[in-house]
Amino acid sequence: MNIQVKLEGVEKALKMFNTRIVNQATRMALNETAKTAKTTAAGNIYHGWNLKKSDINKKLKTELARSSDLSAALVVRSESFSLSYFGAKQFSGRRTISRTGIKTGKRKSSKGGVYVRIKRGGKITHLSTSFIAATRSGHIGVFRRSTRKHLPIAERRLITVPSMFKQQDVYVPTLRAASRTWSTRLKHHLERLTR
């Protein structure tokens, strides 16, 4: 998924200032714009979905501009999230299992299966036939058996980050913030470098 910001002001600046100064100001403003886009997108995804900020940030990457390449990008990785990232907890007897480990309580829980909250502040979903387990690679996921036999098992995964990013309450504020940052920071750097 690409986010495009119209880079207005560069042509006008080239007519007024030295090319080297304009390129330097453009590079700095582009990089600040990309970082703003990442911060805004991550914040809006966090407010909508029951995920940790650190897990969201791992799926977003900025490619910064260089003197030889005046382009910057926000790269949104396409992998879907395992349900284990949405505060998943499995209750099994006295044990509570989650991504952070296993806790043993004093009393046996009357609950069974896995409980997750997908949307921040939304309802909790009960997955009665699912369980939390770690794979050989160390990945912790929410799984269910495809048949009544012990194997095979299938991981339960959810929406991808690009799908989250495309939603209006994430995409539109990100685009606005990036456009605003570009125009203000280009002007700021041009004024600073030409004093």
N, C-alpha and C. Protein backbone atom coordinates (compact mmCIF):
# COMPACT_ATOMS: atom_id res chain seq x y z
N MET A 1 0.85 -1.19 0.00
CA MET A 1 0.00 0.00 0.00
C MET A 1 0.88 1.23 0.00
N ASN A 2 0.59 2.17 -0.88
CA ASN A 2 1.36 3.41 -0.98
C ASN A 2 0.56 4.59 -0.45
N ILE A 3 1.25 5.46 0.25
CA ILE A 3 0.65 6.73 0.65
C ILE A 3 1.41 7.82 -0.08
N GLN A 4 0.71 8.63 -0.83
CA GLN A 4 1.35 9.66 -1.63
C GLN A 4 0.97 11.04 -1.13
N VAL A 5 1.99 11.87 -0.98
CA VAL A 5 1.78 13.24 -0.55
C VAL A 5 2.30 14.14 -1.66
N LYS A 6 1.51 15.10 -2.07
CA LYS A 6 1.92 16.01 -3.13
C LYS A 6 2.99 16.96 -2.58
N LEU A 7 4.17 16.92 -3.19
CA LEU A 7 5.30 17.69 -2.70
C LEU A 7 5.29 19.09 -3.32
N GLU A 8 4.37 19.89 -2.86
CA GLU A 8 4.26 21.25 -3.38
C GLU A 8 5.32 22.14 -2.74
N GLY A 9 5.84 23.06 -3.54
CA GLY A 9 6.78 24.05 -3.01
C GLY A 9 8.20 23.86 -3.48
N VAL A 10 8.57 22.67 -3.98
CA VAL A 10 9.95 22.42 -4.37
C VAL A 10 10.32 23.24 -5.60
N GLU A 11 9.47 23.22 -6.62
CA GLU A 11 9.76 23.97 -7.85
C GLU A 11 9.89 25.47 -7.57
N LYS A 12 9.00 25.97 -6.74
CA LYS A 12 9.06 27.39 -6.37
C LYS A 12 10.35 27.70 -5.62
N ALA A 13 10.74 26.79 -4.72
CA ALA A 13 11.96 26.99 -3.94
C ALA A 13 13.20 26.97 -4.83
N LEU A 14 13.21 26.11 -5.85
CA LEU A 14 14.35 26.02 -6.76
C LEU A 14 14.57 27.32 -7.53
N LYS A 15 13.50 28.07 -7.75
CA LYS A 15 13.63 29.35 -8.46
C LYS A 15 14.19 30.44 -7.54
N MET A 16 14.06 30.21 -6.23
CA MET A 16 14.45 31.24 -5.26
C MET A 16 15.80 30.97 -4.59
N PHE A 17 16.15 29.67 -4.45
CA PHE A 17 17.35 29.33 -3.67
C PHE A 17 18.28 28.40 -4.45
N ASN A 18 19.47 28.27 -3.91
CA ASN A 18 20.48 27.37 -4.45
C ASN A 18 19.96 25.93 -4.44
N THR A 19 20.26 25.17 -5.50
CA THR A 19 19.77 23.79 -5.63
C THR A 19 20.21 22.91 -4.46
N ARG A 20 21.46 23.08 -4.02
CA ARG A 20 21.98 22.27 -2.92
C ARG A 20 21.18 22.50 -1.64
N ILE A 21 20.83 23.76 -1.38
CA ILE A 21 20.05 24.10 -0.19
C ILE A 21 18.64 23.51 -0.29
N VAL A 22 18.03 23.62 -1.45
CA VAL A 22 16.67 23.10 -1.64
C VAL A 22 16.66 21.58 -1.47
N ASN A 23 17.67 20.91 -2.03
CA ASN A 23 17.76 19.44 -1.89
C ASN A 23 17.93 19.03 -0.44
N GLN A 24 18.75 19.77 0.29
CA GLN A 24 18.98 19.46 1.71
C GLN A 24 17.69 19.66 2.52
N ALA A 25 17.01 20.77 2.27
CA ALA A 25 15.76 21.05 2.97
C ALA A 25 14.69 20.02 2.61
N THR A 26 14.65 19.63 1.34
CA THR A 26 13.68 18.63 0.88
C THR A 26 13.92 17.29 1.56
N ARG A 27 15.19 16.86 1.63
CA ARG A 27 15.53 15.58 2.27
C ARG A 27 15.09 15.57 3.73
N MET A 28 15.39 16.63 4.46
CA MET A 28 15.03 16.68 5.88
C MET A 28 13.52 16.71 6.07
N ALA A 29 12.83 17.49 5.23
CA ALA A 29 11.36 17.57 5.35
C ALA A 29 10.70 16.25 4.98
N LEU A 30 11.23 15.58 3.95
CA LEU A 30 10.69 14.27 3.55
C LEU A 30 10.82 13.25 4.68
N ASN A 31 11.99 13.22 5.32
CA ASN A 31 12.21 12.25 6.39
C ASN A 31 11.31 12.52 7.59
N GLU A 32 11.11 13.78 7.91
CA GLU A 32 10.21 14.12 9.01
C GLU A 32 8.76 13.76 8.65
N THR A 33 8.42 13.93 7.38
CA THR A 33 7.07 13.58 6.92
C THR A 33 6.83 12.08 7.03
N ALA A 34 7.82 11.27 6.62
CA ALA A 34 7.69 9.81 6.71
C ALA A 34 7.56 9.35 8.16
N LYS A 35 8.34 9.97 9.06
CA LYS A 35 8.28 9.60 10.48
C LYS A 35 6.94 9.99 11.09
N THR A 36 6.43 11.16 10.69
CA THR A 36 5.11 11.59 11.16
C THR A 36 4.02 10.64 10.70
N ALA A 37 4.11 10.21 9.43
CA ALA A 37 3.13 9.27 8.88
C ALA A 37 3.14 7.97 9.67
N LYS A 38 4.33 7.48 10.01
CA LYS A 38 4.43 6.23 10.77
C LYS A 38 3.82 6.38 12.16
N THR A 39 4.17 7.46 12.85
CA THR A 39 3.66 7.69 14.20
C THR A 39 2.14 7.83 14.21
N THR A 40 1.62 8.58 13.23
CA THR A 40 0.17 8.80 13.15
C THR A 40 -0.57 7.51 12.84
N ALA A 41 -0.06 6.76 11.85
CA ALA A 41 -0.70 5.49 11.47
C ALA A 41 -0.68 4.51 12.64
N ALA A 42 0.47 4.37 13.30
CA ALA A 42 0.58 3.45 14.43
C ALA A 42 -0.37 3.84 15.55
N GLY A 43 -0.46 5.15 15.84
CA GLY A 43 -1.35 5.62 16.91
C GLY A 43 -2.81 5.33 16.61
N ASN A 44 -3.23 5.54 15.37
CA ASN A 44 -4.63 5.29 15.01
C ASN A 44 -4.97 3.81 14.95
N ILE A 45 -4.01 2.98 14.53
CA ILE A 45 -4.23 1.53 14.57
C ILE A 45 -4.35 1.08 16.04
N TYR A 46 -3.49 1.61 16.89
CA TYR A 46 -3.51 1.26 18.31
C TYR A 46 -4.85 1.62 18.96
N HIS A 47 -5.39 2.79 18.62
CA HIS A 47 -6.66 3.22 19.22
C HIS A 47 -7.84 2.37 18.75
N GLY A 48 -7.72 1.76 17.57
CA GLY A 48 -8.82 0.96 17.05
C GLY A 48 -8.73 -0.52 17.37
N TRP A 49 -7.52 -1.03 17.47
CA TRP A 49 -7.32 -2.48 17.62
C TRP A 49 -6.59 -2.79 18.91
N ASN A 50 -6.93 -3.90 19.54
CA ASN A 50 -6.37 -4.28 20.84
C ASN A 50 -4.99 -4.91 20.66
N LEU A 51 -4.04 -4.08 20.24
CA LEU A 51 -2.67 -4.52 20.00
C LEU A 51 -1.70 -3.64 20.79
N LYS A 52 -0.51 -4.15 21.07
CA LYS A 52 0.52 -3.35 21.71
C LYS A 52 1.17 -2.45 20.67
N LYS A 53 1.59 -1.25 21.09
CA LYS A 53 2.24 -0.32 20.16
C LYS A 53 3.51 -0.93 19.58
N SER A 54 4.25 -1.67 20.40
CA SER A 54 5.50 -2.28 19.92
C SER A 54 5.23 -3.29 18.81
N ASP A 55 4.14 -4.03 18.90
CA ASP A 55 3.80 -5.03 17.87
C ASP A 55 3.36 -4.34 16.57
N ILE A 56 2.67 -3.22 16.69
CA ILE A 56 2.26 -2.46 15.51
C ILE A 56 3.49 -1.88 14.82
N ASN A 57 4.39 -1.29 15.61
CA ASN A 57 5.57 -0.64 15.03
C ASN A 57 6.47 -1.61 14.28
N LYS A 58 6.44 -2.89 14.66
CA LYS A 58 7.25 -3.89 13.94
C LYS A 58 6.76 -4.10 12.52
N LYS A 59 5.49 -3.76 12.27
CA LYS A 59 4.90 -3.96 10.94
C LYS A 59 4.98 -2.70 10.07
N LEU A 60 5.46 -1.60 10.66
CA LEU A 60 5.58 -0.34 9.92
C LEU A 60 7.05 0.06 9.84
N LYS A 61 7.49 0.46 8.66
CA LYS A 61 8.89 0.82 8.47
C LYS A 61 8.98 2.06 7.60
N THR A 62 9.91 2.96 7.95
CA THR A 62 10.13 4.13 7.10
C THR A 62 11.39 3.93 6.28
N GLU A 63 11.29 4.25 5.01
CA GLU A 63 12.47 4.29 4.14
C GLU A 63 12.78 5.76 3.92
N LEU A 64 13.90 6.20 4.46
CA LEU A 64 14.21 7.63 4.49
C LEU A 64 14.95 8.09 3.25
N ALA A 65 14.77 9.37 2.94
CA ALA A 65 15.42 9.98 1.78
C ALA A 65 16.91 10.17 2.05
N ARG A 66 17.69 10.12 0.98
CA ARG A 66 19.12 10.39 1.04
C ARG A 66 19.43 11.50 0.04
N SER A 67 20.64 12.03 0.12
CA SER A 67 21.02 13.10 -0.80
C SER A 67 20.94 12.65 -2.24
N SER A 68 21.25 11.36 -2.47
CA SER A 68 21.24 10.82 -3.84
C SER A 68 19.86 10.33 -4.28
N ASP A 69 18.92 10.27 -3.35
CA ASP A 69 17.58 9.77 -3.66
C ASP A 69 16.55 10.51 -2.82
N LEU A 70 15.96 11.54 -3.38
CA LEU A 70 15.01 12.37 -2.65
C LEU A 70 13.61 11.76 -2.70
N SER A 71 13.48 10.61 -2.07
CA SER A 71 12.17 9.98 -1.91
C SER A 71 12.14 9.27 -0.57
N ALA A 72 11.00 9.27 0.06
CA ALA A 72 10.81 8.59 1.34
C ALA A 72 9.51 7.82 1.29
N ALA A 73 9.41 6.79 2.11
CA ALA A 73 8.21 5.95 2.07
C ALA A 73 7.88 5.39 3.44
N LEU A 74 6.60 5.14 3.64
CA LEU A 74 6.12 4.38 4.79
C LEU A 74 5.74 3.01 4.25
N VAL A 75 6.44 1.98 4.69
CA VAL A 75 6.20 0.61 4.21
C VAL A 75 5.37 -0.12 5.26
N VAL A 76 4.23 -0.65 4.82
CA VAL A 76 3.32 -1.36 5.71
C VAL A 76 3.40 -2.84 5.38
N ARG A 77 3.93 -3.63 6.31
CA ARG A 77 4.11 -5.07 6.06
C ARG A 77 2.77 -5.80 6.03
N SER A 78 2.70 -6.83 5.21
CA SER A 78 1.40 -7.44 4.90
C SER A 78 1.04 -8.67 5.73
N GLU A 79 1.91 -9.10 6.65
CA GLU A 79 1.58 -10.29 7.42
C GLU A 79 0.36 -10.03 8.32
N SER A 80 -0.45 -11.06 8.47
CA SER A 80 -1.59 -10.95 9.39
C SER A 80 -1.12 -11.23 10.81
N PHE A 81 -1.89 -10.76 11.77
CA PHE A 81 -1.57 -10.98 13.18
C PHE A 81 -2.19 -12.29 13.67
N SER A 82 -1.44 -13.03 14.45
CA SER A 82 -2.01 -14.18 15.15
C SER A 82 -2.97 -13.64 16.20
N LEU A 83 -4.03 -14.39 16.48
CA LEU A 83 -4.97 -13.96 17.52
C LEU A 83 -4.30 -13.85 18.90
N SER A 84 -3.14 -14.47 19.05
CA SER A 84 -2.45 -14.41 20.35
C SER A 84 -2.04 -12.98 20.70
N TYR A 85 -1.93 -12.10 19.69
CA TYR A 85 -1.53 -10.71 19.94
C TYR A 85 -2.66 -9.85 20.49
N PHE A 86 -3.88 -10.36 20.45
CA PHE A 86 -5.04 -9.57 20.87
C PHE A 86 -5.44 -9.90 22.31
N GLY A 87 -4.46 -9.95 23.19
CA GLY A 87 -4.73 -10.21 24.60
C GLY A 87 -5.30 -11.58 24.87
N ALA A 88 -4.96 -12.55 24.02
CA ALA A 88 -5.54 -13.90 24.14
C ALA A 88 -5.14 -14.56 25.45
N LYS A 89 -6.13 -15.21 26.09
CA LYS A 89 -5.89 -15.98 27.32
C LYS A 89 -6.64 -17.30 27.21
N GLN A 90 -5.94 -18.36 27.57
CA GLN A 90 -6.56 -19.67 27.60
C GLN A 90 -6.68 -20.11 29.06
N PHE A 91 -7.87 -20.58 29.42
CA PHE A 91 -8.10 -21.07 30.78
C PHE A 91 -8.21 -22.58 30.72
N SER A 92 -7.37 -23.24 31.49
CA SER A 92 -7.36 -24.70 31.51
C SER A 92 -7.10 -25.16 32.94
N GLY A 93 -8.16 -25.53 33.63
CA GLY A 93 -8.02 -25.92 35.04
C GLY A 93 -7.61 -24.72 35.88
N ARG A 94 -6.49 -24.85 36.58
CA ARG A 94 -5.97 -23.75 37.39
C ARG A 94 -5.00 -22.87 36.61
N ARG A 95 -4.72 -23.25 35.36
CA ARG A 95 -3.73 -22.53 34.56
C ARG A 95 -4.37 -21.47 33.65
N THR A 96 -3.69 -20.32 33.56
CA THR A 96 -4.05 -19.28 32.59
C THR A 96 -2.85 -19.11 31.67
N ILE A 97 -3.06 -19.36 30.37
CA ILE A 97 -1.97 -19.34 29.39
C ILE A 97 -2.14 -18.12 28.48
N SER A 98 -1.03 -17.40 28.25
CA SER A 98 -1.05 -16.25 27.35
C SER A 98 0.30 -16.14 26.65
N ARG A 99 0.50 -15.08 25.86
CA ARG A 99 1.80 -14.89 25.18
C ARG A 99 2.93 -14.72 26.18
N THR A 100 2.62 -14.21 27.36
CA THR A 100 3.66 -13.93 28.34
C THR A 100 4.03 -15.14 29.20
N GLY A 101 3.27 -16.23 29.08
CA GLY A 101 3.60 -17.42 29.85
C GLY A 101 2.38 -18.08 30.49
N ILE A 102 2.66 -18.90 31.50
CA ILE A 102 1.60 -19.65 32.18
C ILE A 102 1.57 -19.24 33.65
N LYS A 103 0.37 -18.91 34.11
CA LYS A 103 0.18 -18.61 35.54
C LYS A 103 -0.73 -19.66 36.14
N THR A 104 -0.38 -20.09 37.34
CA THR A 104 -1.19 -21.10 38.02
C THR A 104 -1.89 -20.45 39.21
N GLY A 105 -3.21 -20.53 39.20
CA GLY A 105 -4.00 -19.93 40.27
C GLY A 105 -4.29 -20.93 41.38
N LYS A 106 -4.94 -20.45 42.43
CA LYS A 106 -5.27 -21.31 43.57
C LYS A 106 -6.52 -22.13 43.29
N ARG A 107 -7.40 -21.57 42.46
CA ARG A 107 -8.65 -22.26 42.18
C ARG A 107 -8.76 -22.62 40.72
N LYS A 108 -9.50 -23.67 40.49
CA LYS A 108 -9.76 -24.11 39.12
C LYS A 108 -10.79 -23.17 38.50
N SER A 109 -10.48 -22.71 37.28
CA SER A 109 -11.40 -21.79 36.59
C SER A 109 -12.57 -22.56 35.97
N SER A 110 -13.71 -21.93 35.99
CA SER A 110 -14.88 -22.54 35.34
C SER A 110 -14.88 -22.26 33.83
N LYS A 111 -13.98 -21.37 33.41
CA LYS A 111 -13.87 -21.04 31.99
C LYS A 111 -13.07 -22.11 31.26
N GLY A 112 -13.25 -22.17 29.95
CA GLY A 112 -12.48 -23.09 29.12
C GLY A 112 -12.28 -22.47 27.75
N GLY A 113 -11.25 -22.87 27.05
CA GLY A 113 -10.99 -22.31 25.73
C GLY A 113 -10.20 -21.02 25.80
N VAL A 114 -10.20 -20.29 24.68
CA VAL A 114 -9.42 -19.06 24.56
C VAL A 114 -10.36 -17.86 24.48
N TYR A 115 -9.97 -16.76 25.15
CA TYR A 115 -10.73 -15.52 25.12
C TYR A 115 -9.86 -14.42 24.52
N VAL A 116 -10.39 -13.68 23.55
CA VAL A 116 -9.64 -12.59 22.91
C VAL A 116 -10.54 -11.36 22.79
N ARG A 117 -9.88 -10.19 22.77
CA ARG A 117 -10.58 -8.92 22.52
C ARG A 117 -9.92 -8.31 21.29
N ILE A 118 -10.63 -8.29 20.16
CA ILE A 118 -10.06 -7.84 18.90
C ILE A 118 -9.97 -6.32 18.83
N LYS A 119 -11.09 -5.65 19.07
CA LYS A 119 -11.13 -4.18 18.99
C LYS A 119 -10.94 -3.60 20.38
N ARG A 120 -10.19 -2.52 20.46
CA ARG A 120 -9.96 -1.88 21.76
C ARG A 120 -11.29 -1.40 22.32
N GLY A 121 -11.60 -1.85 23.51
CA GLY A 121 -12.87 -1.50 24.14
C GLY A 121 -14.05 -2.33 23.64
N GLY A 122 -13.81 -3.26 22.72
CA GLY A 122 -14.87 -4.08 22.17
C GLY A 122 -15.17 -5.29 23.04
N LYS A 123 -16.07 -6.13 22.55
CA LYS A 123 -16.47 -7.30 23.33
C LYS A 123 -15.40 -8.39 23.27
N ILE A 124 -15.42 -9.25 24.27
CA ILE A 124 -14.50 -10.38 24.34
C ILE A 124 -15.13 -11.56 23.60
N THR A 125 -14.33 -12.18 22.74
CA THR A 125 -14.81 -13.34 21.98
C THR A 125 -14.28 -14.62 22.61
N HIS A 126 -15.16 -15.60 22.77
CA HIS A 126 -14.80 -16.89 23.36
C HIS A 126 -14.62 -17.92 22.24
N LEU A 127 -13.44 -18.51 22.16
CA LEU A 127 -13.14 -19.55 21.18
C LEU A 127 -13.02 -20.87 21.93
N SER A 128 -14.13 -21.56 22.05
CA SER A 128 -14.20 -22.72 22.94
C SER A 128 -13.33 -23.90 22.50
N THR A 129 -13.06 -24.02 21.19
CA THR A 129 -12.30 -25.18 20.71
C THR A 129 -10.85 -24.83 20.39
N SER A 130 -10.39 -23.65 20.80
CA SER A 130 -9.02 -23.22 20.48
C SER A 130 -8.11 -23.35 21.69
N PHE A 131 -6.82 -23.27 21.43
CA PHE A 131 -5.82 -23.33 22.50
C PHE A 131 -4.60 -22.52 22.10
N ILE A 132 -3.80 -22.13 23.08
CA ILE A 132 -2.57 -21.37 22.85
C ILE A 132 -1.39 -22.32 22.98
N ALA A 133 -0.47 -22.24 22.01
CA ALA A 133 0.71 -23.11 22.03
C ALA A 133 1.87 -22.42 21.33
N ALA A 134 3.07 -22.89 21.61
CA ALA A 134 4.28 -22.39 20.96
C ALA A 134 4.73 -23.41 19.92
N THR A 135 5.15 -22.92 18.77
CA THR A 135 5.68 -23.80 17.72
C THR A 135 7.16 -24.06 17.99
N ARG A 136 7.77 -24.91 17.19
CA ARG A 136 9.20 -25.21 17.36
C ARG A 136 10.07 -23.97 17.18
N SER A 137 9.60 -23.04 16.34
CA SER A 137 10.38 -21.82 16.10
C SER A 137 10.26 -20.82 17.25
N GLY A 138 9.36 -21.08 18.20
CA GLY A 138 9.16 -20.17 19.32
C GLY A 138 7.96 -19.26 19.15
N HIS A 139 7.33 -19.29 17.99
CA HIS A 139 6.14 -18.47 17.74
C HIS A 139 4.98 -18.96 18.60
N ILE A 140 4.31 -18.03 19.27
CA ILE A 140 3.16 -18.37 20.11
C ILE A 140 1.89 -17.95 19.37
N GLY A 141 1.00 -18.90 19.20
CA GLY A 141 -0.23 -18.62 18.45
C GLY A 141 -1.45 -19.24 19.08
N VAL A 142 -2.59 -18.88 18.53
CA VAL A 142 -3.87 -19.50 18.90
C VAL A 142 -4.19 -20.51 17.80
N PHE A 143 -4.42 -21.76 18.19
CA PHE A 143 -4.62 -22.84 17.22
C PHE A 143 -5.94 -23.56 17.47
N ARG A 144 -6.37 -24.28 16.45
CA ARG A 144 -7.51 -25.20 16.60
C ARG A 144 -7.21 -26.43 15.76
N ARG A 145 -7.77 -27.53 16.17
CA ARG A 145 -7.57 -28.77 15.42
C ARG A 145 -8.53 -28.82 14.24
N SER A 146 -7.99 -29.22 13.09
CA SER A 146 -8.81 -29.30 11.88
C SER A 146 -9.77 -30.49 11.93
N THR A 147 -9.37 -31.53 12.65
CA THR A 147 -10.20 -32.73 12.79
C THR A 147 -10.23 -33.10 14.27
N ARG A 148 -10.86 -34.21 14.58
CA ARG A 148 -10.89 -34.66 15.98
C ARG A 148 -9.57 -35.28 16.41
N LYS A 149 -8.71 -35.55 15.44
CA LYS A 149 -7.41 -36.12 15.77
C LYS A 149 -6.51 -35.04 16.35
N HIS A 150 -5.39 -35.48 16.96
CA HIS A 150 -4.44 -34.56 17.59
C HIS A 150 -3.83 -33.61 16.55
N LEU A 151 -3.52 -34.12 15.37
CA LEU A 151 -2.96 -33.31 14.28
C LEU A 151 -3.78 -33.55 13.02
N PRO A 152 -3.83 -32.64 12.05
CA PRO A 152 -3.11 -31.35 12.02
C PRO A 152 -3.86 -30.28 12.80
N ILE A 153 -3.12 -29.18 13.07
CA ILE A 153 -3.72 -28.01 13.71
C ILE A 153 -3.58 -26.82 12.77
N ALA A 154 -4.45 -25.84 12.91
CA ALA A 154 -4.41 -24.64 12.08
C ALA A 154 -4.39 -23.42 12.98
N GLU A 155 -3.53 -22.45 12.62
CA GLU A 155 -3.45 -21.23 13.43
C GLU A 155 -4.58 -20.29 13.06
N ARG A 156 -5.10 -19.62 14.06
CA ARG A 156 -6.15 -18.63 13.85
C ARG A 156 -5.48 -17.26 13.78
N ARG A 157 -5.59 -16.64 12.61
CA ARG A 157 -4.97 -15.34 12.38
C ARG A 157 -6.05 -14.34 12.00
N LEU A 158 -5.67 -13.05 12.05
CA LEU A 158 -6.67 -12.02 11.78
C LEU A 158 -6.17 -11.07 10.70
N ILE A 159 -6.77 -9.94 10.65
CA ILE A 159 -6.56 -8.89 9.66
C ILE A 159 -5.09 -8.50 9.51
N THR A 160 -4.70 -8.13 8.30
CA THR A 160 -3.34 -7.67 8.04
C THR A 160 -3.23 -6.18 8.37
N VAL A 161 -2.01 -5.71 8.58
CA VAL A 161 -1.81 -4.29 8.87
C VAL A 161 -2.21 -3.41 7.69
N PRO A 162 -1.92 -3.79 6.42
CA PRO A 162 -2.42 -2.96 5.32
C PRO A 162 -3.94 -2.81 5.33
N SER A 163 -4.66 -3.86 5.73
CA SER A 163 -6.13 -3.77 5.82
C SER A 163 -6.55 -2.79 6.91
N MET A 164 -5.81 -2.78 8.02
CA MET A 164 -6.08 -1.81 9.09
C MET A 164 -5.79 -0.40 8.58
N PHE A 165 -4.66 -0.28 7.88
CA PHE A 165 -4.20 1.03 7.40
C PHE A 165 -5.18 1.63 6.40
N LYS A 166 -5.83 0.80 5.59
CA LYS A 166 -6.75 1.28 4.55
C LYS A 166 -8.04 1.86 5.12
N GLN A 167 -8.33 1.56 6.36
CA GLN A 167 -9.58 2.05 6.95
C GLN A 167 -9.53 3.56 7.12
N GLN A 168 -10.66 4.19 6.89
CA GLN A 168 -10.74 5.66 6.85
C GLN A 168 -10.19 6.33 8.12
N ASP A 169 -10.46 5.73 9.28
CA ASP A 169 -10.02 6.37 10.52
C ASP A 169 -8.52 6.23 10.76
N VAL A 170 -7.82 5.51 9.91
CA VAL A 170 -6.36 5.42 9.96
C VAL A 170 -5.74 6.17 8.78
N TYR A 171 -6.21 5.87 7.58
CA TYR A 171 -5.61 6.41 6.36
C TYR A 171 -5.77 7.92 6.25
N VAL A 172 -6.97 8.43 6.45
CA VAL A 172 -7.23 9.86 6.26
C VAL A 172 -6.42 10.73 7.23
N PRO A 173 -6.42 10.45 8.55
CA PRO A 173 -5.60 11.26 9.46
C PRO A 173 -4.10 11.16 9.15
N THR A 174 -3.65 9.99 8.70
CA THR A 174 -2.24 9.82 8.36
C THR A 174 -1.86 10.70 7.18
N LEU A 175 -2.71 10.70 6.16
CA LEU A 175 -2.47 11.52 4.97
C LEU A 175 -2.47 13.00 5.32
N ARG A 176 -3.40 13.42 6.15
CA ARG A 176 -3.47 14.83 6.56
C ARG A 176 -2.22 15.24 7.35
N ALA A 177 -1.82 14.38 8.28
CA ALA A 177 -0.65 14.69 9.10
C ALA A 177 0.61 14.77 8.25
N ALA A 178 0.75 13.86 7.28
CA ALA A 178 1.92 13.86 6.40
C ALA A 178 1.94 15.13 5.54
N SER A 179 0.81 15.51 4.99
CA SER A 179 0.74 16.72 4.15
C SER A 179 1.07 17.97 4.96
N ARG A 180 0.54 18.03 6.17
CA ARG A 180 0.77 19.18 7.04
C ARG A 180 2.26 19.27 7.43
N THR A 181 2.84 18.13 7.77
CA THR A 181 4.25 18.10 8.16
C THR A 181 5.14 18.53 7.00
N TRP A 182 4.85 18.03 5.81
CA TRP A 182 5.67 18.36 4.64
C TRP A 182 5.70 19.87 4.40
N SER A 183 4.56 20.48 4.38
CA SER A 183 4.51 21.91 4.05
C SER A 183 5.18 22.78 5.11
N THR A 184 4.98 22.46 6.38
CA THR A 184 5.56 23.28 7.44
C THR A 184 7.05 23.05 7.60
N ARG A 185 7.50 21.80 7.46
CA ARG A 185 8.91 21.50 7.67
C ARG A 185 9.79 21.93 6.50
N LEU A 186 9.27 21.86 5.28
CA LEU A 186 10.04 22.35 4.13
C LEU A 186 10.30 23.85 4.30
N LYS A 187 9.25 24.57 4.64
CA LYS A 187 9.40 26.01 4.85
C LYS A 187 10.39 26.30 5.97
N HIS A 188 10.28 25.56 7.07
CA HIS A 188 11.18 25.75 8.21
C HIS A 188 12.64 25.54 7.81
N HIS A 189 12.93 24.44 7.11
CA HIS A 189 14.32 24.13 6.75
C HIS A 189 14.87 25.10 5.72
N LEU A 190 14.05 25.55 4.80
CA LEU A 190 14.51 26.55 3.82
C LEU A 190 14.88 27.85 4.51
N GLU A 191 14.04 28.27 5.45
CA GLU A 191 14.33 29.52 6.18
C GLU A 191 15.58 29.37 7.02
N ARG A 192 15.74 28.23 7.66
CA ARG A 192 16.91 28.00 8.53
C ARG A 192 18.20 27.95 7.72
N LEU A 193 18.17 27.28 6.57
CA LEU A 193 19.39 27.10 5.77
C LEU A 193 19.79 28.33 4.97
N THR A 194 18.89 29.28 4.84
CA THR A 194 19.20 30.48 4.04
C THR A 194 19.38 31.73 4.88
N ARG A 195 19.50 31.55 6.17
CA ARG A 195 19.72 32.71 7.05
C ARG A 195 21.13 33.25 6.87
